[in-house]
N, C-alpha and C. Protein backbone atom coordinates (compact mmCIF):
# COMPACT_ATOMS: atom_id res chain seq x y z
N MET A 1 104.18 29.91 164.72
CA MET A 1 103.83 30.89 165.74
C MET A 1 104.14 32.31 165.28
N TYR A 2 105.32 32.51 164.70
CA TYR A 2 105.73 33.86 164.33
C TYR A 2 104.90 34.41 163.17
N GLN A 3 104.49 33.53 162.27
CA GLN A 3 103.59 33.95 161.19
C GLN A 3 102.30 34.52 161.78
N LYS A 4 101.75 33.81 162.78
CA LYS A 4 100.51 34.25 163.43
C LYS A 4 100.70 35.61 164.11
N LEU A 5 101.82 35.79 164.77
CA LEU A 5 102.07 37.04 165.49
C LEU A 5 102.19 38.23 164.54
N ILE A 6 102.94 38.06 163.46
CA ILE A 6 103.11 39.20 162.54
C ILE A 6 101.81 39.47 161.79
N ASP A 7 101.04 38.41 161.49
CA ASP A 7 99.74 38.61 160.84
C ASP A 7 98.78 39.35 161.76
N GLU A 8 98.85 39.06 163.06
CA GLU A 8 97.98 39.76 164.01
C GLU A 8 98.38 41.22 164.14
N CYS A 9 99.67 41.52 164.04
CA CYS A 9 100.11 42.92 164.01
C CYS A 9 99.52 43.63 162.80
N ARG A 10 99.57 42.98 161.66
CA ARG A 10 99.05 43.58 160.42
C ARG A 10 97.54 43.77 160.50
N LYS A 11 96.84 42.80 161.06
CA LYS A 11 95.39 42.91 161.18
C LYS A 11 95.01 44.05 162.13
N SER A 12 95.74 44.16 163.22
CA SER A 12 95.46 45.21 164.21
C SER A 12 95.72 46.60 163.64
N PHE A 13 96.78 46.72 162.84
CA PHE A 13 97.18 48.02 162.31
C PHE A 13 96.45 48.34 161.00
N ILE A 14 95.76 47.37 160.44
CA ILE A 14 95.00 47.38 159.18
C ILE A 14 95.89 47.71 157.98
N ASP A 15 95.34 47.46 156.81
CA ASP A 15 96.09 47.69 155.57
C ASP A 15 96.17 49.18 155.24
N PRO A 16 97.26 49.59 154.60
CA PRO A 16 97.36 50.99 154.16
C PRO A 16 96.46 51.25 152.95
N PRO A 17 96.09 52.52 152.73
CA PRO A 17 96.44 53.71 153.52
C PRO A 17 95.58 53.78 154.79
N ARG A 18 96.21 54.14 155.90
CA ARG A 18 95.55 54.14 157.20
C ARG A 18 95.14 55.57 157.60
N GLN A 19 94.08 55.65 158.34
CA GLN A 19 93.66 56.91 158.95
C GLN A 19 93.66 56.72 160.46
N PHE A 20 94.14 57.71 161.19
CA PHE A 20 94.26 57.59 162.63
C PHE A 20 93.45 58.68 163.32
N ASP A 21 92.88 58.33 164.47
CA ASP A 21 92.18 59.35 165.25
C ASP A 21 93.19 60.09 166.13
N GLU A 22 92.71 61.10 166.82
CA GLU A 22 93.61 61.97 167.60
C GLU A 22 94.36 61.19 168.67
N ASP A 23 93.67 60.25 169.30
CA ASP A 23 94.29 59.46 170.36
C ASP A 23 95.41 58.59 169.79
N GLU A 24 95.19 58.00 168.62
CA GLU A 24 96.21 57.17 168.00
C GLU A 24 97.42 58.00 167.56
N ILE A 25 97.17 59.18 167.05
CA ILE A 25 98.28 60.06 166.64
C ILE A 25 99.15 60.41 167.84
N LYS A 26 98.53 60.61 169.00
CA LYS A 26 99.30 60.89 170.22
C LYS A 26 100.20 59.73 170.57
N GLU A 27 99.75 58.52 170.23
CA GLU A 27 100.55 57.33 170.51
C GLU A 27 101.85 57.33 169.71
N PHE A 28 101.79 57.88 168.49
CA PHE A 28 102.98 57.93 167.65
C PHE A 28 103.94 59.03 168.08
N ARG A 29 103.41 60.15 168.52
CA ARG A 29 104.23 61.33 168.76
C ARG A 29 105.20 61.11 169.90
N VAL A 30 106.46 61.43 169.64
CA VAL A 30 107.50 61.33 170.67
C VAL A 30 108.41 62.55 170.53
N PRO A 31 108.91 63.06 171.64
CA PRO A 31 109.83 64.21 171.55
C PRO A 31 111.19 63.78 171.02
N GLN A 32 111.81 64.66 170.28
CA GLN A 32 113.16 64.39 169.79
C GLN A 32 114.13 64.41 170.97
N PRO A 33 114.96 63.38 171.12
CA PRO A 33 115.91 63.36 172.24
C PRO A 33 116.83 64.57 172.20
N ASP A 34 117.19 65.09 173.37
CA ASP A 34 118.06 66.28 173.44
C ASP A 34 119.38 66.05 172.73
N TRP A 35 119.97 64.85 172.88
CA TRP A 35 121.27 64.59 172.26
C TRP A 35 121.17 64.68 170.74
N MET A 36 120.00 64.36 170.21
CA MET A 36 119.82 64.35 168.76
C MET A 36 119.74 65.77 168.20
N LYS A 37 119.32 66.70 169.02
CA LYS A 37 119.22 68.10 168.58
C LYS A 37 120.61 68.70 168.35
N LYS A 38 121.63 68.02 168.86
CA LYS A 38 123.00 68.51 168.71
C LYS A 38 123.81 67.66 167.74
N ASP A 39 123.18 66.64 167.17
CA ASP A 39 123.86 65.73 166.25
C ASP A 39 123.23 65.91 164.87
N PHE A 40 123.97 66.56 163.97
CA PHE A 40 123.39 66.95 162.70
C PHE A 40 123.77 66.03 161.53
N ARG A 41 124.18 64.81 161.84
CA ARG A 41 124.47 63.88 160.75
C ARG A 41 123.20 63.68 159.92
N PRO A 42 123.28 63.87 158.59
CA PRO A 42 122.08 63.79 157.75
C PRO A 42 121.31 62.48 157.90
N ALA A 43 122.04 61.36 157.96
CA ALA A 43 121.36 60.07 158.07
C ALA A 43 120.56 59.98 159.37
N LEU A 44 121.13 60.51 160.44
CA LEU A 44 120.44 60.48 161.73
C LEU A 44 119.19 61.35 161.69
N GLN A 45 119.31 62.54 161.13
CA GLN A 45 118.16 63.43 161.06
C GLN A 45 117.08 62.86 160.15
N GLU A 46 117.47 62.07 159.16
CA GLU A 46 116.49 61.46 158.25
C GLU A 46 115.56 60.52 159.00
N LEU A 47 116.05 59.93 160.09
CA LEU A 47 115.23 59.00 160.87
C LEU A 47 114.02 59.69 161.47
N TRP A 48 114.09 61.00 161.60
CA TRP A 48 113.05 61.76 162.26
C TRP A 48 111.98 62.25 161.29
N ARG A 49 112.24 62.13 160.00
CA ARG A 49 111.33 62.69 159.01
C ARG A 49 110.25 61.69 158.58
N ASN A 50 109.14 62.22 158.10
CA ASN A 50 108.08 61.43 157.46
C ASN A 50 107.45 60.38 158.37
N GLU A 51 107.46 60.66 159.67
CA GLU A 51 106.94 59.70 160.64
C GLU A 51 105.51 59.26 160.29
N MET A 52 104.60 60.22 160.12
CA MET A 52 103.20 59.87 159.93
C MET A 52 102.97 59.21 158.57
N ARG A 53 103.72 59.60 157.55
CA ARG A 53 103.55 58.96 156.25
C ARG A 53 103.94 57.49 156.33
N ILE A 54 105.01 57.22 157.06
CA ILE A 54 105.44 55.83 157.22
C ILE A 54 104.37 55.01 157.93
N PHE A 55 103.80 55.56 158.99
CA PHE A 55 102.76 54.83 159.71
C PHE A 55 101.49 54.68 158.87
N ARG A 56 101.18 55.66 158.05
CA ARG A 56 99.97 55.57 157.23
C ARG A 56 100.12 54.60 156.06
N GLU A 57 101.32 54.54 155.48
CA GLU A 57 101.48 53.80 154.22
C GLU A 57 102.38 52.57 154.31
N GLY A 58 103.10 52.41 155.41
CA GLY A 58 104.13 51.37 155.47
C GLY A 58 103.60 49.96 155.66
N ALA A 59 104.48 49.00 155.40
CA ALA A 59 104.19 47.57 155.58
C ALA A 59 104.83 47.09 156.88
N ILE A 60 104.25 46.04 157.45
CA ILE A 60 104.74 45.52 158.73
C ILE A 60 105.52 44.23 158.49
N VAL A 61 106.75 44.20 159.00
CA VAL A 61 107.63 43.04 158.87
C VAL A 61 108.37 42.85 160.19
N TRP A 62 109.01 41.71 160.34
CA TRP A 62 109.87 41.49 161.51
C TRP A 62 111.19 42.24 161.35
N GLY A 63 111.67 42.80 162.43
CA GLY A 63 113.00 43.38 162.47
C GLY A 63 113.82 42.72 163.57
N GLN A 64 115.07 42.45 163.28
CA GLN A 64 115.97 41.81 164.24
C GLN A 64 117.08 42.78 164.59
N ILE A 65 117.16 43.17 165.84
CA ILE A 65 118.20 44.11 166.26
C ILE A 65 119.57 43.43 166.21
N VAL A 66 120.53 44.13 165.62
CA VAL A 66 121.89 43.63 165.49
C VAL A 66 122.74 44.15 166.64
N GLN A 67 122.69 45.44 166.86
CA GLN A 67 123.33 46.05 168.02
C GLN A 67 122.62 47.35 168.34
N ALA A 68 122.61 47.69 169.62
CA ALA A 68 121.89 48.87 170.07
C ALA A 68 122.72 49.59 171.12
N HIS A 69 122.37 50.85 171.34
CA HIS A 69 123.03 51.60 172.41
C HIS A 69 122.85 50.83 173.72
N PRO A 70 123.92 50.60 174.47
CA PRO A 70 123.82 49.77 175.68
C PRO A 70 122.75 50.23 176.67
N LYS A 71 122.49 51.53 176.73
CA LYS A 71 121.50 52.03 177.70
C LYS A 71 120.08 51.63 177.35
N LEU A 72 119.85 51.21 176.10
CA LEU A 72 118.51 50.75 175.74
C LEU A 72 118.15 49.44 176.43
N TYR A 73 119.15 48.69 176.90
CA TYR A 73 118.88 47.44 177.58
C TYR A 73 118.66 47.64 179.08
N LEU A 74 118.69 48.90 179.51
CA LEU A 74 118.42 49.26 180.90
C LEU A 74 117.19 50.14 180.95
N GLN A 75 116.49 50.13 182.07
CA GLN A 75 115.35 51.02 182.21
C GLN A 75 115.85 52.47 182.19
N GLY A 76 115.07 53.33 181.60
CA GLY A 76 115.46 54.73 181.50
C GLY A 76 114.40 55.52 180.79
N THR A 77 114.72 56.77 180.49
CA THR A 77 113.76 57.65 179.83
C THR A 77 114.30 58.20 178.51
N ILE A 78 115.60 58.04 178.25
CA ILE A 78 116.20 58.62 177.05
C ILE A 78 116.20 57.57 175.93
N ASP A 79 115.84 58.00 174.75
CA ASP A 79 115.77 57.13 173.58
C ASP A 79 117.07 57.20 172.78
N TYR A 80 117.44 56.06 172.15
CA TYR A 80 118.70 55.97 171.43
C TYR A 80 118.52 55.16 170.15
N PRO A 81 119.53 55.17 169.26
CA PRO A 81 119.44 54.38 168.02
C PRO A 81 119.82 52.91 168.23
N ALA A 82 119.41 52.12 167.26
CA ALA A 82 119.82 50.72 167.18
C ALA A 82 119.96 50.36 165.71
N ALA A 83 120.85 49.43 165.42
CA ALA A 83 120.99 48.88 164.07
C ALA A 83 120.22 47.57 164.02
N LEU A 84 119.50 47.37 162.93
CA LEU A 84 118.74 46.13 162.80
C LEU A 84 118.68 45.69 161.34
N ILE A 85 118.17 44.50 161.14
CA ILE A 85 117.97 43.98 159.79
C ILE A 85 116.52 43.54 159.64
N TYR A 86 116.04 43.62 158.41
CA TYR A 86 114.68 43.17 158.11
C TYR A 86 114.62 42.73 156.65
N SER A 87 113.53 42.07 156.31
CA SER A 87 113.30 41.69 154.91
C SER A 87 111.81 41.75 154.62
N ARG A 88 111.49 42.14 153.39
CA ARG A 88 110.10 42.12 152.95
C ARG A 88 109.72 40.77 152.35
N ASP A 89 110.66 39.85 152.31
CA ASP A 89 110.40 38.50 151.82
C ASP A 89 109.49 37.77 152.82
N ALA A 90 108.38 37.25 152.33
CA ALA A 90 107.39 36.59 153.20
C ALA A 90 107.97 35.37 153.91
N PHE A 91 109.08 34.83 153.43
CA PHE A 91 109.71 33.68 154.09
C PHE A 91 109.99 33.98 155.55
N PHE A 92 110.36 35.22 155.86
CA PHE A 92 110.78 35.54 157.22
C PHE A 92 109.60 35.78 158.17
N ASP A 93 108.38 35.83 157.63
CA ASP A 93 107.22 35.99 158.51
C ASP A 93 107.17 34.89 159.56
N ASP A 94 107.48 33.67 159.14
CA ASP A 94 107.44 32.54 160.06
C ASP A 94 108.83 32.03 160.44
N HIS A 95 109.88 32.69 159.90
CA HIS A 95 111.25 32.24 160.17
C HIS A 95 112.15 33.42 160.59
N PRO A 96 111.73 34.22 161.57
CA PRO A 96 112.59 35.32 161.98
C PRO A 96 113.89 34.85 162.64
N GLY A 97 113.91 33.58 163.03
CA GLY A 97 115.15 33.04 163.57
C GLY A 97 116.29 33.10 162.57
N GLU A 98 115.95 33.07 161.27
CA GLU A 98 116.97 33.22 160.24
C GLU A 98 117.59 34.61 160.30
N LEU A 99 116.77 35.61 160.60
CA LEU A 99 117.30 36.97 160.77
C LEU A 99 118.22 37.03 161.99
N SER A 100 117.85 36.32 163.04
CA SER A 100 118.69 36.29 164.24
C SER A 100 120.06 35.69 163.93
N GLN A 101 120.08 34.63 163.12
CA GLN A 101 121.36 34.02 162.74
C GLN A 101 122.21 34.99 161.92
N MET A 102 121.55 35.75 161.04
CA MET A 102 122.28 36.73 160.24
C MET A 102 122.83 37.84 161.13
N ALA A 103 122.06 38.25 162.14
CA ALA A 103 122.53 39.27 163.07
C ALA A 103 123.77 38.78 163.81
N ASP A 104 123.75 37.51 164.23
CA ASP A 104 124.92 36.93 164.90
C ASP A 104 126.12 36.92 163.96
N ALA A 105 125.88 36.57 162.70
CA ALA A 105 126.97 36.53 161.72
C ALA A 105 127.55 37.92 161.50
N LEU A 106 126.69 38.94 161.51
CA LEU A 106 127.19 40.31 161.39
C LEU A 106 128.07 40.67 162.58
N GLY A 107 127.63 40.27 163.76
CA GLY A 107 128.44 40.53 164.95
C GLY A 107 129.80 39.87 164.88
N ASP A 108 129.85 38.70 164.28
CA ASP A 108 131.11 37.97 164.15
C ASP A 108 132.08 38.65 163.18
N LEU A 109 131.53 39.51 162.28
CA LEU A 109 132.38 40.21 161.32
C LEU A 109 133.21 41.31 161.98
N LYS A 110 132.74 41.79 163.12
CA LYS A 110 133.34 42.97 163.75
C LYS A 110 134.85 42.79 163.98
N GLY A 111 135.62 43.73 163.45
CA GLY A 111 137.05 43.73 163.67
C GLY A 111 137.84 42.75 162.82
N ALA A 112 137.14 41.98 161.97
CA ALA A 112 137.84 40.98 161.15
C ALA A 112 138.22 41.57 159.79
N ARG A 113 139.09 40.84 159.08
CA ARG A 113 139.48 41.24 157.73
C ARG A 113 138.87 40.27 156.73
N HIS A 114 138.36 40.80 155.62
CA HIS A 114 137.67 39.97 154.64
C HIS A 114 138.07 40.36 153.22
N GLU A 115 138.17 39.38 152.36
CA GLU A 115 138.49 39.65 150.96
C GLU A 115 137.27 40.20 150.21
N HIS A 116 136.07 39.77 150.60
CA HIS A 116 134.84 40.24 149.96
C HIS A 116 134.61 41.70 150.35
N PRO A 117 134.57 42.63 149.39
CA PRO A 117 134.47 44.07 149.72
C PRO A 117 133.26 44.42 150.59
N GLN A 118 132.09 43.83 150.29
CA GLN A 118 130.90 44.15 151.07
C GLN A 118 131.03 43.62 152.49
N MET A 119 131.61 42.44 152.63
CA MET A 119 131.80 41.89 153.97
C MET A 119 132.73 42.77 154.78
N GLN A 120 133.77 43.31 154.14
CA GLN A 120 134.69 44.21 154.84
C GLN A 120 133.99 45.50 155.23
N LEU A 121 133.13 46.00 154.34
CA LEU A 121 132.38 47.21 154.65
C LEU A 121 131.55 47.02 155.91
N PHE A 122 130.87 45.90 156.00
CA PHE A 122 130.04 45.64 157.19
C PHE A 122 130.89 45.36 158.42
N ALA A 123 132.02 44.73 158.24
CA ALA A 123 132.92 44.52 159.38
C ALA A 123 133.35 45.85 159.97
N ASP A 124 133.67 46.81 159.11
CA ASP A 124 134.08 48.14 159.57
C ASP A 124 132.91 48.87 160.24
N MET A 125 131.71 48.73 159.67
CA MET A 125 130.53 49.38 160.24
C MET A 125 130.21 48.83 161.62
N MET A 126 130.34 47.53 161.79
CA MET A 126 130.03 46.92 163.08
C MET A 126 131.00 47.37 164.15
N ARG A 127 132.24 47.66 163.73
CA ARG A 127 133.23 48.15 164.69
C ARG A 127 132.91 49.58 165.12
N GLU A 128 132.45 50.39 164.17
CA GLU A 128 132.08 51.77 164.48
C GLU A 128 130.62 51.80 164.92
N GLU A 129 130.39 51.58 166.19
CA GLU A 129 129.03 51.35 166.68
C GLU A 129 128.14 52.58 166.58
N ARG A 130 128.71 53.76 166.45
CA ARG A 130 127.89 54.96 166.32
C ARG A 130 127.53 55.26 164.86
N GLU A 131 127.98 54.42 163.96
CA GLU A 131 127.70 54.61 162.54
C GLU A 131 126.19 54.52 162.29
N VAL A 132 125.68 55.47 161.52
CA VAL A 132 124.26 55.45 161.14
C VAL A 132 124.16 55.16 159.65
N GLN A 133 123.52 54.06 159.31
CA GLN A 133 123.34 53.67 157.92
C GLN A 133 121.87 53.40 157.66
N LEU A 134 121.42 53.76 156.46
CA LEU A 134 120.01 53.59 156.13
C LEU A 134 119.86 52.66 154.92
N ASN A 135 119.14 51.58 155.13
CA ASN A 135 118.69 50.70 154.05
C ASN A 135 119.81 50.21 153.14
N MET A 136 120.77 49.55 153.74
CA MET A 136 121.85 48.94 152.99
C MET A 136 121.56 47.45 152.80
N ALA A 137 121.76 46.96 151.58
CA ALA A 137 121.56 45.54 151.31
C ALA A 137 122.63 44.73 152.03
N LEU A 138 122.19 43.69 152.73
CA LEU A 138 123.14 42.81 153.41
C LEU A 138 123.89 41.98 152.36
N PRO A 139 125.17 41.70 152.58
CA PRO A 139 125.92 40.88 151.62
C PRO A 139 125.24 39.53 151.41
N ARG A 140 125.09 39.13 150.16
CA ARG A 140 124.40 37.88 149.85
C ARG A 140 125.06 36.65 150.48
N PRO A 141 126.39 36.63 150.70
CA PRO A 141 126.95 35.46 151.39
C PRO A 141 126.35 35.22 152.78
N LEU A 142 125.75 36.27 153.37
CA LEU A 142 125.15 36.12 154.70
C LEU A 142 123.67 35.78 154.65
N THR A 143 123.02 35.95 153.49
CA THR A 143 121.56 35.89 153.44
C THR A 143 121.00 34.69 152.69
N LYS A 144 121.86 33.79 152.24
CA LYS A 144 121.41 32.62 151.47
C LYS A 144 120.62 33.05 150.24
N GLY A 145 121.03 34.19 149.68
CA GLY A 145 120.42 34.65 148.44
C GLY A 145 119.17 35.47 148.60
N LYS A 146 118.70 35.70 149.83
CA LYS A 146 117.48 36.47 150.05
C LYS A 146 117.83 37.95 150.23
N ALA A 147 116.87 38.81 149.91
CA ALA A 147 117.06 40.25 150.04
C ALA A 147 116.80 40.66 151.49
N VAL A 148 117.85 41.08 152.17
CA VAL A 148 117.75 41.50 153.57
C VAL A 148 118.40 42.88 153.70
N THR A 149 117.77 43.75 154.46
CA THR A 149 118.21 45.14 154.58
C THR A 149 118.73 45.44 155.97
N TYR A 150 119.83 46.17 156.02
CA TYR A 150 120.42 46.66 157.28
C TYR A 150 120.12 48.14 157.39
N THR A 151 119.64 48.57 158.54
CA THR A 151 119.32 49.99 158.70
C THR A 151 119.41 50.39 160.16
N THR A 152 119.34 51.67 160.41
CA THR A 152 119.33 52.22 161.75
C THR A 152 117.93 52.72 162.07
N VAL A 153 117.47 52.49 163.29
CA VAL A 153 116.19 53.02 163.75
C VAL A 153 116.42 53.77 165.06
N LEU A 154 115.49 54.63 165.39
CA LEU A 154 115.45 55.22 166.72
C LEU A 154 114.49 54.37 167.55
N VAL A 155 114.97 53.91 168.68
CA VAL A 155 114.14 53.09 169.57
C VAL A 155 113.52 54.00 170.61
N PHE A 156 112.21 54.19 170.49
CA PHE A 156 111.48 55.02 171.44
C PHE A 156 110.85 54.11 172.49
N ARG A 157 111.27 54.31 173.73
CA ARG A 157 110.80 53.44 174.81
C ARG A 157 109.28 53.46 174.92
N LYS A 158 108.68 54.61 174.61
CA LYS A 158 107.22 54.74 174.66
C LYS A 158 106.54 53.73 173.75
N HIS A 159 107.19 53.33 172.68
CA HIS A 159 106.60 52.42 171.71
C HIS A 159 106.80 50.95 172.06
N LEU A 160 107.55 50.67 173.13
CA LEU A 160 107.80 49.29 173.55
C LEU A 160 106.84 48.89 174.67
N PRO A 161 106.62 47.60 174.88
CA PRO A 161 105.75 47.17 175.98
C PRO A 161 106.31 47.51 177.35
N VAL A 162 107.64 47.52 177.46
CA VAL A 162 108.34 47.90 178.70
C VAL A 162 109.42 48.92 178.30
N PRO A 163 109.86 49.78 179.21
CA PRO A 163 110.75 50.88 178.81
C PRO A 163 112.21 50.50 178.62
N GLN A 164 112.45 49.33 178.04
CA GLN A 164 113.81 48.91 177.73
C GLN A 164 113.73 47.75 176.73
N LEU A 165 114.84 47.47 176.07
CA LEU A 165 114.89 46.32 175.17
C LEU A 165 115.10 45.05 175.99
N VAL A 166 114.15 44.14 175.90
CA VAL A 166 114.29 42.83 176.56
C VAL A 166 114.22 41.72 175.52
N ASN A 167 114.02 42.08 174.26
CA ASN A 167 113.93 41.13 173.16
C ASN A 167 114.46 41.84 171.92
N ASP A 168 115.20 41.14 171.11
CA ASP A 168 115.79 41.77 169.92
C ASP A 168 114.94 41.61 168.66
N LEU A 169 113.76 40.98 168.80
CA LEU A 169 112.85 40.83 167.66
C LEU A 169 111.67 41.78 167.86
N VAL A 170 111.44 42.65 166.87
CA VAL A 170 110.37 43.65 166.98
C VAL A 170 109.62 43.75 165.65
N PRO A 171 108.32 44.07 165.69
CA PRO A 171 107.61 44.37 164.45
C PRO A 171 107.95 45.79 163.99
N LEU A 172 108.22 45.92 162.71
CA LEU A 172 108.62 47.21 162.13
C LEU A 172 107.57 47.70 161.15
N VAL A 173 107.57 49.02 160.92
CA VAL A 173 106.81 49.61 159.83
C VAL A 173 107.83 50.17 158.85
N VAL A 174 107.84 49.62 157.63
CA VAL A 174 108.83 50.00 156.62
C VAL A 174 108.10 50.54 155.39
N HIS A 175 108.75 51.48 154.72
CA HIS A 175 108.14 52.14 153.55
C HIS A 175 109.08 52.00 152.36
N PRO A 176 108.61 51.53 151.22
CA PRO A 176 109.51 51.29 150.09
C PRO A 176 110.10 52.55 149.48
N GLN A 177 109.49 53.71 149.73
CA GLN A 177 109.95 54.94 149.11
C GLN A 177 110.66 55.88 150.08
N LEU A 178 110.71 55.51 151.35
CA LEU A 178 111.30 56.38 152.36
C LEU A 178 112.42 55.65 153.10
N GLN A 179 113.37 56.41 153.58
CA GLN A 179 114.54 55.80 154.20
C GLN A 179 114.32 55.40 155.65
N ALA A 180 113.51 56.16 156.37
CA ALA A 180 113.34 55.88 157.79
C ALA A 180 112.46 54.66 158.01
N THR A 181 112.67 54.00 159.13
CA THR A 181 111.90 52.85 159.57
C THR A 181 111.54 53.07 161.03
N TRP A 182 110.33 52.67 161.41
CA TRP A 182 109.89 52.85 162.80
C TRP A 182 109.43 51.51 163.37
N ILE A 183 109.66 51.33 164.66
CA ILE A 183 109.09 50.19 165.36
C ILE A 183 107.59 50.41 165.52
N LEU A 184 106.80 49.37 165.23
CA LEU A 184 105.36 49.48 165.43
C LEU A 184 105.08 49.66 166.92
N PRO A 185 104.37 50.73 167.32
CA PRO A 185 104.07 50.91 168.75
C PRO A 185 103.33 49.71 169.32
N SER A 186 103.63 49.36 170.55
CA SER A 186 103.11 48.13 171.15
C SER A 186 101.59 48.16 171.34
N ARG A 187 100.97 49.31 171.21
CA ARG A 187 99.51 49.38 171.25
C ARG A 187 98.88 48.44 170.23
N TRP A 188 99.57 48.18 169.12
CA TRP A 188 99.04 47.34 168.04
C TRP A 188 99.64 45.94 168.03
N TRP A 189 100.37 45.57 169.09
CA TRP A 189 100.93 44.22 169.15
C TRP A 189 99.88 43.25 169.71
N PRO A 190 99.89 41.99 169.29
CA PRO A 190 98.99 41.00 169.88
C PRO A 190 99.41 40.67 171.31
N GLN A 191 98.44 40.21 172.10
CA GLN A 191 98.71 39.94 173.51
C GLN A 191 99.83 38.92 173.70
N GLU A 192 99.90 37.93 172.83
CA GLU A 192 100.93 36.90 172.98
C GLU A 192 102.33 37.49 172.85
N LEU A 193 102.50 38.44 171.94
CA LEU A 193 103.80 39.08 171.79
C LEU A 193 104.09 40.00 172.98
N LEU A 194 103.08 40.70 173.46
CA LEU A 194 103.26 41.52 174.66
C LEU A 194 103.68 40.66 175.85
N ASP A 195 103.02 39.51 176.00
CA ASP A 195 103.33 38.63 177.13
C ASP A 195 104.77 38.12 177.07
N MET A 196 105.28 37.90 175.85
CA MET A 196 106.68 37.48 175.70
C MET A 196 107.61 38.54 176.26
N TRP A 197 107.31 39.79 176.00
CA TRP A 197 108.14 40.90 176.49
C TRP A 197 107.99 41.06 178.01
N PHE A 198 106.75 40.96 178.49
CA PHE A 198 106.54 41.10 179.94
C PHE A 198 107.28 40.02 180.70
N ALA A 199 107.24 38.78 180.17
CA ALA A 199 107.94 37.66 180.84
C ALA A 199 109.45 37.89 180.82
N ALA A 200 109.99 38.40 179.71
CA ALA A 200 111.44 38.63 179.62
C ALA A 200 111.88 39.76 180.54
N ALA A 201 110.97 40.68 180.86
CA ALA A 201 111.33 41.83 181.69
C ALA A 201 111.33 41.51 183.18
N ARG A 202 110.77 40.37 183.55
CA ARG A 202 110.68 40.03 184.98
C ARG A 202 112.05 39.69 185.56
């Protein structure tokens, strides 16, 4: 099922390089949140750059949210960051549940002590929930040897089927040469995936 859903996202968004009409460009455009205008952390500001290049040239993969600003799980109008993991390995096209298990394992690291230096690094990051990290390789003990990336995204409610997070699995647009990652706007999601979100929001 998940292979079909992500393939339908790719078919709808077409292969890169993409060209968009004026109406589609409006779909991407979102105002920078007021809180972000006062937060000058370089990694956070990087999330705002190269938006259109990412949409024009990026690849579509599943992303699994690890933790997000609590207000994103409530209806609202303000957009906030979330930490998530993704992989460009085709294995996960039909097995995003493996990403969900890794996200749970990351959550279990929070506040713990570990001898493995990378595991300790992630344990500390999970404790500091406001930490913004871009494209960090997940420790291989958590990934069964597969290449999985941990990163921060800005979750724009406009790009979701409903104005809150009701599911932690989202299609992403990722670019191999750029640090920022964006959630694929729901305009290009297949109906079956939209219906999953609508049902969860009831």
